[in-house]
Protein backbone atom coordinates (compact mmCIF):
# COMPACT_ATOMS: atom_id res chain seq x y z
CA MET A 1 0.00 0.00 0.00
CA ILE A 2 2.76 2.44 0.97
CA GLY A 3 4.64 1.59 -2.21
CA ALA A 4 1.68 2.83 -4.27
CA VAL A 5 1.80 6.33 -2.73
CA PRO A 6 4.41 7.76 -5.17
CA THR A 7 2.37 6.55 -8.15
CA LEU A 8 -0.84 8.00 -6.73
CA LEU A 9 0.87 11.34 -6.11
CA GLU A 10 2.12 11.53 -9.70
CA GLN A 11 -1.31 10.56 -11.07
CA PHE A 12 -3.06 13.18 -8.94
CA GLU A 13 -0.48 15.78 -10.02
CA ASP A 14 -1.14 14.99 -13.69
CA VAL A 15 -4.92 15.27 -13.27
CA LEU A 16 -4.72 18.45 -11.21
CA TRP A 17 -2.48 20.27 -13.66
CA GLY A 18 -3.81 18.73 -16.88
CA PHE A 19 -7.49 19.45 -16.24
CA PHE A 20 -7.38 22.43 -13.87
CA GLY A 21 -4.01 24.16 -13.35
CA VAL A 22 -2.98 24.59 -16.99
CA PRO A 23 -6.38 25.78 -18.34
CA VAL A 24 -7.02 28.11 -15.37
CA LEU A 25 -3.63 29.82 -15.57
CA MET A 26 -3.65 30.20 -19.35
CA LEU A 27 -7.22 31.48 -19.56
CA LEU A 28 -6.81 33.96 -16.71
CA GLY A 29 -3.40 35.10 -17.99
CA ILE A 30 -4.74 35.71 -21.49
CA TYR A 31 -7.82 37.50 -20.16
CA LEU A 32 -5.84 39.81 -17.86
CA THR A 33 -3.29 40.48 -20.60
CA PHE A 34 -5.99 41.83 -22.91
CA HIS A 35 -7.90 43.48 -20.04
CA SER A 36 -4.73 45.38 -19.03
CA ASN A 37 -3.82 46.21 -22.63
CA PHE A 38 -0.64 44.07 -22.42
CA PHE A 39 0.54 45.77 -19.25
CA GLN A 40 3.51 43.42 -18.70
CA ILE A 41 4.94 44.41 -22.09
CA ARG A 42 3.68 47.98 -22.37
CA LYS A 43 5.01 49.07 -18.97
CA PHE A 44 8.22 47.05 -18.90
CA PRO A 45 10.55 50.09 -19.32
CA ALA A 46 8.75 51.87 -16.47
CA ILE A 47 9.09 48.75 -14.31
CA ILE A 48 12.86 48.73 -14.85
CA LYS A 49 12.97 52.42 -13.91
CA THR A 50 10.95 51.75 -10.76
CA PHE A 51 13.30 48.94 -9.72
CA PHE A 52 16.46 51.04 -9.99
CA GLY A 53 14.67 54.02 -8.45
CA TYR A 54 14.14 52.05 -5.24
CA PHE A 55 17.91 51.89 -4.75
CA ARG A 56 17.76 55.62 -3.93
CA VAL A 57 15.18 55.38 -1.15
CA LYS A 58 15.10 54.24 2.45
CA ASN A 59 12.28 53.41 4.85
CA ARG A 60 10.86 55.86 7.30
CA GLY A 61 7.63 54.00 8.07
CA ASN A 62 6.31 50.52 8.69
CA GLY A 63 7.27 47.55 6.58
CA VAL A 64 10.44 46.28 4.94
CA HIS A 65 12.23 48.05 2.14
CA PRO A 66 10.65 47.32 -1.28
CA LEU A 67 13.90 45.84 -2.58
CA HIS A 68 14.27 43.56 0.44
CA ALA A 69 10.81 42.22 -0.39
CA PHE A 70 11.83 41.90 -4.05
CA PHE A 71 15.02 39.97 -3.31
CA ALA A 72 13.26 37.74 -0.78
CA CYS A 73 10.66 36.95 -3.44
CA ILE A 74 13.13 36.39 -6.25
CA GLY A 75 15.21 34.27 -3.89
CA GLY A 76 12.26 31.90 -3.86
CA CYS A 77 11.95 31.99 -7.66
CA ILE A 78 15.57 31.65 -8.72
CA GLY A 79 16.78 28.41 -7.26
CA ILE A 80 17.32 24.74 -7.95
CA GLY A 81 14.06 24.61 -9.88
CA ASN A 82 15.69 26.79 -12.55
CA ILE A 83 18.53 24.30 -13.01
CA VAL A 84 17.07 20.93 -12.06
CA GLY A 85 13.28 21.16 -11.98
CA ILE A 86 12.97 22.99 -15.29
CA CYS A 87 14.97 20.28 -17.06
CA THR A 88 12.33 17.76 -15.99
CA ALA A 89 9.91 19.52 -18.35
CA VAL A 90 12.19 18.83 -21.32
CA GLN A 91 13.00 15.27 -20.24
CA ILE A 92 9.27 14.43 -20.14
CA GLY A 93 7.75 16.89 -22.61
CA GLY A 94 10.56 17.31 -25.14
CA PRO A 95 12.09 20.53 -26.58
CA GLY A 96 8.65 22.04 -27.23
CA ALA A 97 8.12 22.40 -23.49
CA LEU A 98 10.44 25.43 -23.58
CA PHE A 99 7.96 27.30 -25.79
CA TRP A 100 5.19 26.70 -23.25
CA ILE A 101 7.51 27.78 -20.45
CA TRP A 102 7.85 31.11 -22.26
CA ILE A 103 4.08 31.42 -22.77
CA THR A 104 3.56 30.60 -19.10
CA ALA A 105 5.95 33.40 -18.15
CA ILE A 106 4.08 35.98 -20.25
CA CYS A 107 0.71 34.93 -18.83
CA GLY A 108 2.21 34.37 -15.40
CA MET A 109 3.63 37.89 -15.19
CA ILE A 110 0.21 39.49 -15.23
CA VAL A 111 -1.34 36.86 -12.93
CA LYS A 112 1.47 37.31 -10.41
CA TYR A 113 1.14 41.10 -10.68
CA ALA A 114 -2.58 40.75 -9.92
CA GLU A 115 -2.08 38.55 -6.86
CA VAL A 116 0.57 40.87 -5.40
CA TYR A 117 -1.46 43.99 -6.17
CA LEU A 118 -4.48 42.57 -4.35
CA GLY A 119 -2.30 41.41 -1.48
CA VAL A 120 -0.77 44.86 -0.98
CA ARG A 121 -4.05 46.69 -1.46
CA HIS A 122 -5.95 44.61 1.10
CA ARG A 123 -3.16 44.10 3.64
CA VAL A 124 -3.68 44.95 7.31
CA MET A 125 -1.50 46.08 10.20
CA ASN A 126 -0.92 43.23 12.64
CA LYS A 127 -0.32 43.33 16.40
CA LYS A 128 3.44 43.59 15.87
CA GLY A 129 3.06 46.81 13.90
CA GLN A 130 3.91 45.05 10.62
CA TYR A 131 1.90 44.55 7.44
CA SER A 132 0.20 41.22 6.75
CA GLY A 133 -1.36 40.40 3.41
CA GLY A 134 -1.80 37.72 0.81
CA PRO A 135 -4.51 35.59 -0.78
CA MET A 136 -6.02 34.66 2.59
CA TYR A 137 -6.98 38.34 2.98
CA PHE A 138 -8.33 39.17 -0.46
CA LEU A 139 -10.13 35.82 -0.78
CA ALA A 140 -12.10 36.73 2.35
CA LEU A 141 -13.66 39.51 0.25
CA VAL A 142 -15.09 37.17 -2.38
CA THR A 143 -16.51 34.42 -0.19
CA SER A 144 -18.35 34.20 3.11
CA GLN A 145 -16.83 30.77 3.72
CA THR A 146 -14.24 31.29 6.46
CA TRP A 147 -12.64 27.92 5.70
CA VAL A 148 -11.30 29.15 2.34
CA PRO A 149 -8.64 31.49 3.84
CA VAL A 150 -7.81 28.74 6.35
CA ILE A 151 -7.24 26.23 3.53
CA ILE A 152 -4.99 28.76 1.79
CA CYS A 153 -2.93 29.19 4.96
CA LEU A 154 -2.62 25.43 5.40
CA LEU A 155 -1.55 24.91 1.78
CA LEU A 156 0.99 27.73 2.06
CA CYS A 157 2.32 26.08 5.21
CA ILE A 158 2.86 22.87 3.21
CA TYR A 159 4.31 24.80 0.28
CA GLY A 160 6.50 26.77 2.68
CA VAL A 161 8.50 23.68 3.61
CA GLU A 162 10.44 23.24 0.36
CA VAL A 163 11.01 19.49 0.52
CA TYR A 164 12.01 19.19 -3.15
CA GLN A 165 14.96 21.55 -3.13
CA PHE A 166 16.03 20.36 0.32
CA SER A 167 16.06 16.80 -1.04
CA VAL A 168 18.08 17.83 -4.10
CA ILE A 169 20.68 19.66 -1.97
CA THR A 170 21.24 16.80 0.47
CA GLN A 171 21.39 14.27 -2.37
CA THR A 172 23.84 16.39 -4.37
CA LEU A 173 26.14 16.95 -1.38
CA SER A 174 26.10 13.24 -0.59
CA ASP A 175 26.68 12.06 -4.19
CA ASN A 176 29.32 14.60 -5.21
CA LEU A 177 31.20 15.41 -2.02
CA ASN A 178 30.48 12.27 0.04
CA VAL A 179 29.06 14.46 2.80
CA ASN A 180 27.32 12.46 5.51
CA ARG A 181 23.58 12.76 4.78
CA GLU A 182 22.63 13.31 8.43
CA LEU A 183 25.33 15.95 8.91
CA GLY A 184 24.32 17.82 5.73
CA THR A 185 20.66 17.72 6.74
CA PHE A 186 21.37 19.08 10.23
CA PHE A 187 23.61 21.90 8.94
CA LEU A 188 21.11 23.02 6.30
CA LEU A 189 18.24 22.90 8.80
CA PHE A 190 20.18 25.13 11.16
CA LEU A 191 20.81 27.72 8.43
CA VAL A 192 17.17 27.70 7.32
CA LEU A 193 15.87 28.21 10.86
CA PHE A 194 18.36 31.05 11.34
CA ALA A 195 17.21 32.87 8.20
CA GLY A 196 13.50 32.27 8.77
CA SER A 197 13.63 33.57 12.34
CA GLY A 198 14.79 36.95 11.00
CA GLY A 199 11.73 37.45 8.81
CA ILE A 200 11.44 38.89 5.30
CA SER A 201 14.12 41.53 5.92
CA ARG A 202 16.83 38.98 6.80
CA VAL A 203 15.81 36.63 4.00
CA GLY A 204 15.85 39.53 1.54
CA LYS A 205 19.34 40.59 2.60
CA ILE A 206 20.69 37.03 2.24
CA SER A 207 19.09 36.64 -1.20
CA GLY A 208 20.31 40.09 -2.25
CA ALA A 209 23.88 39.00 -1.54
CA ILE A 210 23.65 35.62 -3.30
CA ILE A 211 21.32 35.99 -6.30
CA PRO A 212 23.25 38.68 -8.29
CA ILE A 213 26.46 36.64 -8.01
CA PHE A 214 24.65 33.52 -9.20
CA ILE A 215 23.08 35.26 -12.20
CA ILE A 216 26.45 36.62 -13.38
CA LEU A 217 28.30 33.32 -12.95
CA TYR A 218 25.59 31.09 -14.37
CA MET A 219 24.81 33.27 -17.36
CA GLY A 220 28.53 33.57 -18.11
CA MET A 221 29.04 29.80 -18.11
CA GLY A 222 25.84 29.22 -20.08
CA LEU A 223 26.79 31.73 -22.76
CA TRP A 224 30.16 30.02 -23.13
CA VAL A 225 28.43 26.67 -23.75
CA LEU A 226 25.98 28.22 -26.22
CA GLY A 227 28.82 30.03 -27.99
CA SER A 228 30.68 26.74 -28.35
CA ASN A 229 27.59 25.20 -29.98
CA ILE A 230 26.35 28.25 -31.86
CA THR A 231 25.95 26.37 -35.16
CA VAL A 232 23.26 24.06 -33.78
CA ILE A 233 21.20 26.76 -32.03
CA PRO A 234 19.02 27.54 -35.12
CA SER A 235 18.02 23.89 -35.51
CA ILE A 236 17.33 23.59 -31.77
CA LEU A 237 15.07 26.66 -31.81
CA LYS A 238 13.28 25.20 -34.84
CA ASP A 239 12.63 22.01 -32.84
CA VAL A 240 11.38 24.05 -29.89
CA PHE A 241 8.73 25.83 -31.97
CA SER A 242 7.75 22.85 -34.16
CA THR A 243 7.38 20.29 -31.35
CA ALA A 244 5.51 22.80 -29.19
CA PHE A 245 2.42 22.07 -31.33
CA THR A 246 3.06 18.45 -32.28
CA GLY A 247 4.74 16.74 -29.35
CA SER A 248 8.10 15.00 -29.64
CA ALA A 249 9.07 11.66 -31.13
CA ALA A 250 11.28 9.25 -29.20
CA ALA A 251 15.00 10.08 -29.38
CA GLY A 252 17.89 8.41 -27.56
CA GLY A 253 16.76 7.77 -24.01
CA PHE A 254 13.71 10.04 -24.52
CA ILE A 255 10.52 7.97 -24.80
CA GLY A 256 8.53 10.59 -26.70
CA SER A 257 5.77 12.98 -25.72
CA THR A 258 2.25 13.89 -26.81
CA LEU A 259 1.18 17.49 -27.41
CA ILE A 260 -0.88 17.56 -24.20
CA ASN A 261 2.06 16.29 -22.18
CA THR A 262 4.39 18.85 -23.75
CA ILE A 263 2.06 21.73 -22.87
CA SER A 264 1.34 20.41 -19.38
CA GLN A 265 5.01 19.94 -18.49
CA GLY A 266 5.96 23.37 -19.81
CA VAL A 267 3.18 25.15 -17.91
CA ARG A 268 3.47 23.32 -14.59
CA ARG A 269 7.27 23.64 -14.37
CA GLY A 270 7.07 27.26 -15.53
CA CYS A 271 4.56 27.96 -12.74
CA TYR A 272 6.74 26.22 -10.18
CA THR A 273 9.96 28.05 -11.03
CA GLY A 274 8.17 31.42 -11.24
CA ASP A 275 5.89 30.81 -8.24
CA VAL A 276 2.95 32.00 -10.30
CA GLY A 277 -0.46 32.05 -8.68
CA VAL A 278 0.50 30.29 -5.45
CA GLY A 279 0.19 33.45 -3.32
CA TYR A 280 3.69 33.19 -1.86
CA ALA A 281 4.80 36.42 -3.59
CA SER A 282 1.67 38.22 -2.38
CA VAL A 283 2.50 37.44 1.26
CA ILE A 284 6.10 38.64 0.92
CA HIS A 285 5.44 41.85 -1.01
CA SER A 286 2.60 42.79 1.33
CA GLU A 287 5.22 43.47 4.01
CA SER A 288 6.77 46.23 1.89
CA ALA A 289 6.79 49.81 3.15
CA ALA A 290 5.78 51.00 -0.33
CA GLU A 291 2.41 52.72 -0.35
CA SER A 292 1.65 52.16 -4.04
CA PRO A 293 0.32 48.66 -4.83
CA GLU A 294 1.05 49.26 -8.52
CA LYS A 295 4.74 50.01 -7.98
CA GLN A 296 5.36 47.16 -5.57
CA ALA A 297 3.42 44.63 -7.65
CA SER A 298 5.23 45.67 -10.83
CA LEU A 299 8.50 44.30 -9.40
CA VAL A 300 7.25 40.72 -9.77
CA ILE A 301 7.10 41.16 -13.54
CA LEU A 302 10.84 41.73 -13.45
CA ASP A 303 11.44 38.68 -11.27
CA VAL A 304 9.45 36.40 -13.62
CA PHE A 305 11.37 37.87 -16.56
CA LEU A 306 14.76 37.15 -14.97
CA ASP A 307 13.64 33.76 -13.71
CA THR A 308 12.26 32.46 -17.00
CA PHE A 309 13.83 34.27 -19.93
CA PHE A 310 17.32 34.30 -18.42
CA ILE A 311 17.90 31.42 -16.01
CA CYS A 312 15.35 28.80 -17.08
CA THR A 313 15.92 29.42 -20.78
CA MET A 314 19.67 29.12 -20.30
CA SER A 315 19.30 25.82 -18.42
CA VAL A 316 17.08 24.30 -21.09
CA LEU A 317 19.13 25.54 -24.04
CA VAL A 318 22.44 24.17 -22.73
CA VAL A 319 20.98 20.68 -22.30
CA LEU A 320 19.31 20.89 -25.73
CA VAL A 321 22.28 22.11 -27.76
CA THR A 322 24.58 19.47 -26.22
CA GLY A 323 22.01 16.69 -26.66
CA VAL A 324 22.14 15.45 -23.06
CA TRP A 325 18.40 16.06 -22.56
CA SER A 326 17.59 12.77 -24.31
CA GLU A 327 20.16 10.71 -22.41
CA ALA A 328 19.32 8.51 -19.45
CA ILE A 329 20.66 11.00 -16.90
CA PRO A 330 18.82 12.12 -13.74
CA ALA A 331 17.41 15.66 -14.03
CA SER A 332 19.55 16.72 -11.08
CA MET A 333 22.68 15.93 -13.10
CA LEU A 334 21.79 17.26 -16.57
CA VAL A 335 23.18 20.79 -16.31
CA GLN A 336 26.14 19.60 -14.24
CA SER A 337 27.07 17.01 -16.89
CA VAL A 338 26.97 19.75 -19.56
CA LEU A 339 29.08 22.26 -17.63
CA ALA A 340 31.56 19.52 -16.70
CA GLN A 341 32.40 19.21 -20.40
CA TYR A 342 33.59 22.82 -20.49
CA PHE A 343 34.67 23.72 -16.97
CA PRO A 344 36.82 21.72 -14.53
CA GLY A 345 35.82 20.89 -10.97
CA MET A 346 32.07 20.88 -11.55
CA HIS A 347 31.61 17.96 -9.13
CA PHE A 348 32.88 20.35 -6.41
CA PHE A 349 31.48 23.63 -7.72
CA MET A 350 27.95 22.49 -8.64
CA PRO A 351 26.98 21.13 -5.20
CA PHE A 352 28.10 24.44 -3.65
CA PHE A 353 26.22 26.33 -6.35
CA LEU A 354 23.00 24.36 -5.79
CA PHE A 355 23.42 24.68 -2.04
CA LEU A 356 23.40 28.49 -2.18
CA LEU A 357 20.50 28.62 -4.64
CA GLY A 358 18.40 26.11 -2.76
CA TYR A 359 19.13 27.88 0.49
CA THR A 360 17.69 31.20 -0.70
CA THR A 361 14.56 29.46 -2.00
CA ILE A 362 13.99 27.36 1.11
CA ASN A 363 14.44 30.48 3.25
CA ALA A 364 11.83 32.48 1.36
CA TYR A 365 9.27 29.69 1.35
CA PHE A 366 9.85 28.90 5.02
CA CYS A 367 9.38 32.54 5.99
CA VAL A 368 5.98 32.61 4.25
CA GLY A 369 4.93 29.30 5.80
CA LEU A 370 5.95 30.55 9.23
CA LYS A 371 3.86 33.67 8.83
CA CYS A 372 0.83 31.65 7.70
CA ALA A 373 1.23 29.34 10.69
CA GLU A 374 1.14 32.40 12.98
CA MET A 375 -2.03 33.55 11.26
CA LEU A 376 -3.64 30.19 12.03
CA SER A 377 -2.55 30.30 15.68
CA SER A 378 -0.77 33.28 17.18
CA LYS A 379 0.19 31.23 20.25
CA TYR A 380 1.12 27.79 18.93
CA GLY A 381 1.57 28.36 15.19
CA ARG A 382 5.25 29.30 15.23
CA PRO A 383 6.61 26.48 17.45
CA LEU A 384 4.43 23.86 15.75
CA TYR A 385 5.62 25.00 12.33
CA TYR A 386 9.26 24.77 13.38
CA ALA A 387 8.62 21.19 14.51
CA TYR A 388 6.76 20.33 11.28
CA ALA A 389 9.51 21.84 9.12
CA ILE A 390 12.27 19.95 10.91
CA ILE A 391 10.44 16.60 10.63
CA ALA A 392 9.32 17.09 6.99
CA LEU A 393 12.67 18.33 5.68
CA ALA A 394 14.61 15.63 7.52
CA CYS A 395 12.32 12.87 6.21
CA PHE A 396 12.26 14.10 2.61
CA SER A 397 16.06 14.29 2.51
CA TYR A 398 15.84 10.48 2.14
CA VAL A 399 13.00 10.48 -0.39
CA ASP A 400 13.35 10.40 -4.18
CA THR A 401 13.35 13.94 -5.58
CA LYS A 402 10.47 13.14 -7.97
CA GLN A 403 8.17 12.40 -5.04
CA ALA A 404 9.24 15.58 -3.27
CA GLN A 405 8.62 17.56 -6.45
CA ALA A 406 5.14 16.01 -6.75
CA VAL A 407 4.25 17.23 -3.24
CA MET A 408 5.32 20.78 -4.11
CA SER A 409 3.56 20.67 -7.47
CA ILE A 410 0.29 19.41 -5.97
CA SER A 411 0.17 22.00 -3.19
CA GLY A 412 1.15 24.71 -5.71
CA GLY A 413 -1.51 23.56 -8.15
CA LEU A 414 -4.26 23.69 -5.53
CA LEU A 415 -3.15 27.17 -4.47
CA LEU A 416 -3.07 28.30 -8.10
CA VAL A 417 -6.63 27.18 -8.84
CA ILE A 418 -8.12 28.76 -5.68
CA ASN A 419 -6.15 32.01 -5.96
CA CYS A 420 -6.93 32.47 -9.65
CA TRP A 421 -10.63 32.18 -8.84
CA GLY A 422 -10.24 34.99 -6.29
CA ILE A 423 -8.16 37.12 -8.67
CA PHE A 424 -10.79 36.80 -11.39
CA ARG A 425 -13.57 37.79 -8.99
CA LEU A 426 -11.61 40.92 -7.96
CA HIS A 427 -9.96 41.72 -11.29
CA ARG A 428 -11.95 44.95 -11.75
CA GLU A 429 -10.24 46.36 -8.64
CA ILE A 430 -6.78 45.97 -10.15
CA SER A 431 -5.07 49.12 -11.43
CA TYR A 432 -2.41 48.95 -14.12
CA GLU A 433 -1.17 52.53 -13.93
CA PHE A 434 1.57 53.72 -11.59
CA VAL A 435 0.56 56.33 -9.00
CA SER A 436 2.49 59.53 -9.59
CA GLY A 437 4.65 61.03 -6.86
CA LYS A 438 6.70 59.51 -4.05
CA ASP A 439 5.55 56.87 -1.60
CA LYS A 440 4.80 58.54 1.73
CA ASP A 441 6.54 55.77 3.66
CA LEU A 442 9.79 56.17 1.70
CA GLU A 443 12.26 59.00 1.34
CA THR A 444 15.10 59.55 -1.08
CA ASP A 445 18.43 58.36 0.27
CA PRO A 446 20.82 55.63 -0.90
CA ILE A 447 20.59 52.34 1.01
CA GLN A 448 22.62 49.18 1.21
CA VAL A 449 20.72 46.23 -0.30
């Protein structure tokens, strides 16, 4: 009976995303894109300007600095899922999955903007003098059923314990560096608890120090690989667009994929890496000191752009141009096997690389889960969540990464469906124009981020 659990999880994941998650996200994303007159494209230059403008301001009111919220959020987006999880989409769905990852990003940008906008607009001041917001708050406006916000909090608590990336890190350290699994698990748990106890501000500072370094290093190595295989890039891109609408035939160790499977894999992995629709970003950005919901929410369009069109695209392209995507190699080793062909010491460097990336993601998720646990019970929520996180992360460090990924995908899919329903019900409240003038809670002055 227990042995059937992994199969049941995968089957439920396929049904959830195939019949609900994929259609809901795509339909809502397309609708909001036209409703906003292509806001995510039309306002992109202004969004870039807003991002760099926040480097010149500091807080003088309640809430964390807008950029600390941004880096905490993007720390959850840019992680192991961009290197390992995203390659699963190509292994199962073929090259065409990359096209649907791009489409998911375009639709996901506006959906994520909407969820953050509503979270910031309907946030409240809690007993600690800090802002609290997220889908559990704006969903309360569209239904009289008090159990709906509770379910959202519970799902975010599950999603907040990032068992998949924790499992990948401990497995990678054990396989590549022969690190004792128990020792690696204990050390990583300690670091996660340290970051989470400091709240969004501490998580944002840690991510702000790690993520820019990662982007520069990873993009540099990826461009070197693509430059070395520049002659095959046109044919690879042709395969991406052609198989996006036909599915992929069997090749090498690849067993082939139907059109439905290609679309489903591209959308579900694109949602996971970009944290689209799950409400996690809404909770984090609601703690910002920024007064304007439009300005704060616009930052998530930039994080989806960086996450998908830079990091995820690079990961997929390097495994496509080198042909390793169709080989019988675990997803956790695909990018590493490619980079090892061009750079020495990858069996030492990659585990460290994945450790830092996974750490920023686990921190961000844990911080959100911890806050949701406190919302459920101000007295017992925090200690109970610490206990749950320790037990779940320790147990899943010994579980196959596919099963851990299924748990994250299922909880994320349920959150996506419920949150998108709430976003659609409140979509007429959403503004797509920046408020002129300065935020009252911020003043011009350079800060250290």
